[in-house]
Protein backbone atom coordinates (compact mmCIF):
# COMPACT_ATOMS: atom_id res chain seq x y z
CA MET A 1 105.54 72.71 123.01
CA THR A 2 109.00 73.84 124.76
CA LEU A 3 108.03 77.23 123.14
CA ASP A 4 104.73 77.34 124.44
CA PHE A 5 105.47 76.33 127.81
CA TRP A 6 108.02 79.46 128.08
CA VAL A 7 105.61 81.67 126.50
CA ARG A 8 102.95 81.18 129.10
CA THR A 9 105.25 80.70 132.14
CA ASN A 10 108.10 83.43 131.43
CA GLY A 11 107.09 85.95 133.50
CA THR A 12 106.91 83.70 136.65
CA TRP A 13 110.15 82.40 136.00
CA ILE A 14 111.62 86.16 135.48
CA ASN A 15 109.30 86.87 139.07
CA ALA A 16 111.24 83.96 141.07
CA ILE A 17 114.68 84.79 139.70
CA SER A 18 114.14 88.94 141.14
CA ILE A 19 112.99 86.99 144.32
CA ILE A 20 116.25 85.28 144.53
CA ALA A 21 118.31 88.08 143.19
CA GLY A 22 117.03 90.42 145.59
CA THR A 23 117.58 87.91 148.52
CA ILE A 24 120.79 87.78 147.69
CA SER A 25 121.53 91.37 147.52
CA GLY A 26 119.98 91.86 150.93
CA LEU A 27 121.95 89.05 152.87
CA PHE A 28 124.82 90.57 151.32
CA LEU A 29 123.61 94.53 152.20
CA LYS A 30 122.76 93.17 155.71
CA LYS A 31 126.42 92.83 156.54
CA HIS A 32 126.79 96.27 155.67
CA LEU A 33 124.02 98.11 157.14
CA PRO A 34 123.13 99.29 160.39
CA ALA A 35 120.31 97.91 162.36
CA LYS A 36 118.22 101.00 162.18
CA MET A 37 118.76 101.08 158.09
CA GLN A 38 117.22 97.55 157.89
CA LEU A 39 114.15 98.22 159.94
CA ILE A 40 113.34 101.66 158.21
CA ILE A 41 113.61 99.78 154.78
CA THR A 42 111.24 96.96 156.49
CA GLN A 43 108.48 99.70 157.51
CA GLY A 44 109.05 101.38 154.02
CA VAL A 45 107.69 98.05 152.69
CA ALA A 46 105.25 97.55 155.42
CA LEU A 47 103.87 100.80 154.44
CA ILE A 48 103.76 100.22 151.03
CA THR A 49 102.46 96.70 151.68
CA ILE A 50 99.42 98.56 153.56
CA PHE A 51 98.75 100.94 150.74
CA ILE A 52 98.44 98.09 148.01
CA GLY A 53 96.18 96.09 150.04
CA LEU A 54 93.88 99.16 150.56
CA GLN A 55 93.48 99.61 146.85
CA MET A 56 92.94 95.90 146.39
CA ALA A 57 90.24 95.85 148.67
CA GLY A 58 88.81 98.57 146.92
CA SER A 59 87.63 96.07 144.40
CA LEU A 60 84.84 94.99 146.55
CA THR A 61 83.08 97.95 146.01
CA GLN A 62 83.21 97.31 142.50
CA VAL A 63 80.92 94.09 142.63
CA LYS A 64 77.34 94.02 140.75
CA ASN A 65 74.66 91.99 139.87
CA THR A 66 74.27 90.34 143.18
CA ARG A 67 71.61 90.30 145.42
CA VAL A 68 74.41 91.24 148.39
CA ASP A 69 76.82 94.08 148.51
CA GLY A 70 80.65 92.89 147.48
CA ILE A 71 81.95 94.54 150.68
CA VAL A 72 79.29 91.89 152.89
CA LEU A 73 80.40 89.36 150.43
CA GLY A 74 83.93 89.92 151.24
CA LEU A 75 83.20 89.79 154.92
CA ILE A 76 81.20 86.71 154.85
CA ALA A 77 83.80 85.03 153.15
CA ILE A 78 86.82 86.24 155.27
CA ALA A 79 84.75 85.13 158.35
CA VAL A 80 83.77 81.64 156.76
CA GLY A 81 87.39 81.45 155.38
CA GLY A 82 88.89 82.39 158.77
CA ILE A 83 87.18 79.52 160.46
CA LEU A 84 88.22 77.15 158.10
CA GLY A 85 91.50 78.00 157.65
CA GLU A 86 92.08 77.80 161.89
CA TRP A 87 90.17 74.41 161.29
CA TRP A 88 92.66 72.89 159.00
CA LYS A 89 95.47 75.01 160.97
CA LEU A 90 97.06 76.75 157.81
CA GLU A 91 99.25 78.72 159.74
CA GLU A 92 100.62 76.07 161.72
CA ARG A 93 100.97 74.18 158.88
CA LEU A 94 102.71 76.67 156.51
CA TYR A 95 105.09 77.65 159.52
CA SER A 96 105.90 73.79 159.82
CA LEU A 97 106.59 73.88 156.23
CA GLY A 98 109.34 76.60 156.75
CA ASP A 99 110.72 75.08 160.02
CA PHE A 100 111.41 71.51 157.71
CA ILE A 101 113.09 73.96 155.20
CA LYS A 102 115.32 75.88 157.65
CA ALA A 103 116.28 72.56 159.73
CA LEU A 104 118.58 72.15 156.26
CA PHE A 105 119.73 75.35 156.75
CA PRO A 106 121.15 75.85 160.11
CA ALA A 107 122.04 79.29 161.18
CA SER A 108 119.27 80.59 158.94
CA GLY A 109 118.34 83.69 161.31
CA ASN A 110 114.33 84.05 161.13
CA PHE A 111 114.22 81.74 158.21
CA THR A 112 110.42 80.52 159.04
CA ASP A 113 109.17 84.07 159.62
CA GLY A 114 110.77 85.01 156.13
CA PHE A 115 109.54 82.54 154.40
CA VAL A 116 105.79 82.56 155.37
CA ALA A 117 105.64 86.55 155.20
CA SER A 118 107.02 86.87 151.84
CA SER A 119 105.32 83.65 150.37
CA LEU A 120 102.32 85.55 151.26
CA LEU A 121 103.21 88.99 150.35
CA PHE A 122 104.68 87.58 146.87
CA CYS A 123 102.12 85.25 145.95
CA VAL A 124 98.38 86.76 147.26
CA GLY A 125 97.54 89.84 145.61
CA PRO A 126 95.85 90.63 142.04
CA MET A 127 99.32 91.14 140.02
CA ALA A 128 99.90 87.50 140.78
CA LEU A 129 96.50 86.45 139.41
CA ILE A 130 96.03 88.43 136.87
CA GLY A 131 99.42 88.98 135.67
CA SER A 132 99.45 84.90 135.56
CA PHE A 133 96.01 84.80 134.12
CA ASN A 134 97.25 87.02 131.00
CA ASN A 135 100.99 85.86 130.80
CA GLY A 136 99.15 82.16 130.33
CA LEU A 137 96.22 83.40 127.79
CA THR A 138 98.22 85.87 125.60
CA GLY A 139 101.93 85.46 126.65
CA ASN A 140 101.63 88.95 127.32
CA ASN A 141 104.31 89.23 130.88
CA ASN A 142 104.36 92.98 131.12
CA ILE A 143 101.87 92.85 134.94
CA LEU A 144 104.60 89.97 136.05
CA MET A 145 107.72 91.81 134.85
CA LEU A 146 106.48 95.21 137.04
CA LYS A 147 105.81 92.76 139.89
CA ALA A 148 109.19 90.95 139.30
CA THR A 149 110.58 94.33 139.96
CA MET A 150 108.63 95.52 143.04
CA ASP A 151 109.13 91.52 144.69
CA GLY A 152 112.72 92.14 143.95
CA ILE A 153 113.25 95.22 145.74
CA SER A 154 110.82 93.99 149.07
CA ALA A 155 112.92 90.79 148.80
CA ILE A 156 116.05 93.17 149.33
CA ALA A 157 114.39 94.38 152.60
CA LEU A 158 112.86 91.67 153.78
CA SER A 159 115.97 89.41 153.53
CA SER A 160 118.22 91.91 155.38
CA SER A 161 115.95 91.39 158.38
CA TYR A 162 114.61 87.74 158.45
CA GLY A 163 117.41 85.94 155.96
CA ILE A 164 117.81 83.57 153.91
CA GLY A 165 114.27 81.98 154.29
CA VAL A 166 112.65 85.31 151.69
CA GLY A 167 114.70 83.49 148.95
CA PHE A 168 112.77 79.96 149.27
CA SER A 169 109.22 81.76 148.83
CA ALA A 170 110.18 81.82 144.96
CA VAL A 171 109.73 77.88 145.01
CA ILE A 172 106.19 78.62 146.24
CA LEU A 173 105.78 81.42 143.78
CA LEU A 174 106.80 79.33 140.76
CA LEU A 175 104.26 76.20 142.14
CA TYR A 176 101.44 78.91 142.20
CA GLN A 177 101.93 81.15 139.72
CA GLY A 178 102.96 78.85 137.11
CA SER A 179 99.83 76.52 137.63
CA VAL A 180 97.78 79.71 137.08
CA SER A 181 99.25 80.53 133.95
CA LEU A 182 99.03 76.43 133.04
CA ILE A 183 95.25 76.18 133.44
CA ALA A 184 94.37 79.83 131.98
CA GLY A 185 93.56 78.29 128.55
CA LEU A 186 90.84 76.22 130.60
CA LEU A 187 89.18 79.61 132.32
CA ILE A 188 88.88 81.64 129.60
CA GLN A 189 85.80 79.32 128.20
CA VAL A 190 84.58 79.82 131.49
CA LEU A 191 85.37 83.77 132.05
CA PRO A 192 85.28 85.24 128.68
CA ASN A 193 86.75 88.60 130.40
CA PRO A 194 88.58 87.72 133.78
CA ALA A 195 89.98 91.05 134.69
CA ASN A 196 86.59 92.31 135.14
CA HIS A 197 84.94 89.62 136.32
CA PRO A 198 82.94 89.85 139.53
CA CYS A 199 84.59 86.50 140.86
CA LEU A 200 87.88 87.90 140.09
CA LEU A 201 87.01 91.37 141.95
CA LEU A 202 86.32 89.49 144.80
CA ILE A 203 89.30 87.35 145.23
CA THR A 204 91.11 90.67 144.47
CA GLY A 205 89.15 92.25 147.32
CA VAL A 206 89.54 89.77 150.03
CA GLY A 207 93.24 89.65 148.72
CA GLY A 208 93.54 92.91 149.56
CA LEU A 209 92.67 92.38 153.39
CA THR A 210 94.83 89.96 153.67
CA ILE A 211 97.45 91.73 152.22
CA LEU A 212 96.69 94.81 154.47
CA GLY A 213 96.92 92.45 157.44
CA LEU A 214 100.27 91.21 156.37
CA GLY A 215 101.57 94.78 156.43
CA LEU A 216 100.18 95.38 159.77
CA ASN A 217 102.22 92.38 160.88
CA LEU A 218 105.55 93.68 159.30
CA LEU A 219 104.82 96.86 161.23
CA ALA A 220 104.40 94.83 164.25
CA VAL A 221 101.32 96.55 164.92
CA THR A 222 99.56 93.24 165.61
CA GLN A 223 99.88 89.83 164.69
CA ILE A 224 96.99 88.58 162.25
CA ARG A 225 97.04 85.13 160.79
CA VAL A 226 97.11 85.75 157.36
CA ALA A 227 97.64 82.32 156.51
CA SER A 228 94.42 81.19 157.96
CA LEU A 229 92.58 83.63 155.78
CA LEU A 230 93.64 82.06 152.67
CA PRO A 231 90.30 80.12 151.79
CA SER A 232 88.53 83.09 151.71
CA LEU A 233 90.22 83.44 148.50
CA LEU A 234 87.57 80.95 147.25
CA ILE A 235 84.85 81.30 149.57
CA ALA A 236 84.08 84.79 147.83
CA PRO A 237 83.73 83.82 144.44
CA LEU A 238 81.78 80.85 145.30
CA LEU A 239 79.16 82.93 147.49
CA TYR A 240 79.06 85.48 144.75
CA LEU A 241 78.23 81.93 142.21
CA PHE A 242 75.92 81.02 144.85
CA LEU A 243 73.65 84.14 145.49
CA LYS A 244 73.58 84.79 141.77
């Protein structure tokens, strides 16, 4: 039983450890790197984030077997999900959670901003979802190992700017990816081929749009309320199933 649990979730644990290690490294380097260097690292992560978001969003064009184009479904999901997110005040609730944890660690810098930005960056995306599926279904953690490497590097950059709040996103990641891995065995009965299923493609595409928004936020181009868009990840596959 213990071995089975470890095999199905080991990628998530390694991913969380990489974020913590990256945060510790970033906090150490923060004292030795000039502000301009810290800024350029964050901007580099932002550019990669935008690139990944655009690649993910392209999944919307692969959605077939529906009366409505995948891009249109993505647009509707973003609009409806955004309305629900604002109604439920998800952005405020996520920031409140960050403020609550920040209160436990005085003088921690931009704790809440780092916690929210890194939680979204590390948890919203195809690698988190598909990697957790694969880990939970077959024990294969290759995707999550690659993601752990990317997240660790990103954590170095983010924590050098935002502080220790980045490290606490590992808790959110453990809850999210761990839950997906554990329930993957049940989902396989519904989605025989998850990686190519239209529902997952829609989740990936809409998730890419939210990641793109996060990248723009990191560049300070604008301030998109990314957390309010999270319900769209659920709305997208429901729209597909309804229209099909």
